[in-house]
Amino acid sequence: MINGEIVPILEAIEFSSKDELLTKLRDMREATVRLAPADRRVVKQMLGIAIQEVCYTSERELLRYKGYADYKKGKRKKETV
């Protein structure tokens, strides 16, 4: 089940597999070094929660939601998965 915390992330990040999404999220978490300490703590926590939710969500469901989000934005035609 897709939870509200990862919806904006799924809509913003381009990915074609669960592993690719996890890699991008982990890279984003590591890139928080440039932020101020207070901001870094908040962003790392948000990304950590997103990584955990992605881990517990099936790849099929992630790709299905991504397809739906892209369809809503008009990026591609509706496909049945």
Protein backbone atom coordinates (compact mmCIF):
# COMPACT_ATOMS: atom_id res chain seq x y z
CA MET A 1 0.00 0.00 0.00
CA ILE A 2 1.33 3.42 -0.95
CA ASN A 3 1.39 5.73 2.09
CA GLY A 4 1.14 9.51 1.98
CA GLU A 5 4.74 10.09 2.98
CA ILE A 6 6.19 8.63 -0.20
CA VAL A 7 3.60 9.91 -2.69
CA PRO A 8 5.42 13.20 -3.46
CA ILE A 9 8.71 11.33 -3.77
CA LEU A 10 7.26 8.78 -6.18
CA GLU A 11 5.80 11.58 -8.28
CA ALA A 12 9.06 13.56 -8.36
CA ILE A 13 11.70 10.88 -8.94
CA GLU A 14 12.07 9.04 -12.23
CA PHE A 15 12.70 5.33 -11.69
CA SER A 16 12.12 2.06 -13.50
CA SER A 17 12.66 -0.40 -10.66
CA LYS A 18 12.50 -0.62 -6.90
CA ASP A 19 16.28 -0.98 -6.69
CA GLU A 20 16.81 2.16 -8.77
CA LEU A 21 14.42 4.11 -6.53
CA LEU A 22 16.16 2.89 -3.38
CA THR A 23 19.56 3.83 -4.82
CA LYS A 24 18.36 7.34 -5.66
CA LEU A 25 16.82 7.79 -2.21
CA ARG A 26 20.01 6.61 -0.50
CA ASP A 27 22.09 8.96 -2.67
CA MET A 28 19.77 11.84 -1.74
CA ARG A 29 20.16 10.98 1.96
CA GLU A 30 23.96 11.02 1.63
CA ALA A 31 23.84 14.35 -0.25
CA THR A 32 22.31 16.11 2.77
CA VAL A 33 25.85 16.94 3.96
CA ARG A 34 25.55 20.33 2.28
CA LEU A 35 22.52 21.35 4.37
CA ALA A 36 22.55 23.18 7.69
CA PRO A 37 22.61 20.73 10.62
CA ALA A 38 18.99 21.39 11.65
CA ASP A 39 17.72 20.99 8.08
CA ARG A 40 19.93 17.96 7.51
CA ARG A 41 18.43 16.16 10.49
CA VAL A 42 14.85 16.71 9.25
CA VAL A 43 15.59 15.79 5.63
CA LYS A 44 17.56 12.67 6.59
CA GLN A 45 14.68 11.55 8.80
CA MET A 46 12.14 12.09 6.00
CA LEU A 47 14.29 10.22 3.50
CA GLY A 48 14.88 7.42 6.00
CA ILE A 49 11.13 6.97 6.41
CA ALA A 50 10.69 7.00 2.63
CA ILE A 51 13.41 4.35 2.21
CA GLN A 52 11.76 2.18 4.83
CA GLU A 53 8.34 2.49 3.17
CA VAL A 54 9.77 1.68 -0.25
CA CYS A 55 11.46 -1.41 1.22
CA TYR A 56 8.12 -2.69 2.49
CA THR A 57 6.21 -1.91 -0.72
CA SER A 58 6.28 -4.32 -3.64
CA GLU A 59 7.99 -3.27 -6.85
CA ARG A 60 4.76 -3.95 -8.76
CA GLU A 61 2.82 -1.56 -6.55
CA LEU A 62 5.51 1.15 -6.81
CA LEU A 63 5.59 0.93 -10.61
CA ARG A 64 1.80 0.81 -10.78
CA TYR A 65 1.54 4.01 -8.74
CA LYS A 66 4.30 5.67 -10.78
CA GLY A 67 2.38 4.82 -13.96
CA TYR A 68 -0.78 6.30 -12.47
CA ALA A 69 1.04 9.49 -11.40
CA ASP A 70 2.61 9.85 -14.86
CA TYR A 71 -0.79 9.29 -16.48
CA LYS A 72 -2.31 12.02 -14.28
CA LYS A 73 0.44 14.40 -15.39
CA GLY A 74 -0.15 13.44 -19.02
CA LYS A 75 3.34 11.96 -19.42
CA ARG A 76 2.18 8.68 -20.91
CA LYS A 77 -0.86 6.74 -21.99
CA LYS A 78 -2.63 4.58 -19.47
CA GLU A 79 -1.30 1.04 -19.31
CA THR A 80 -2.62 -1.91 -17.40
CA VAL A 81 -0.08 -3.53 -15.14
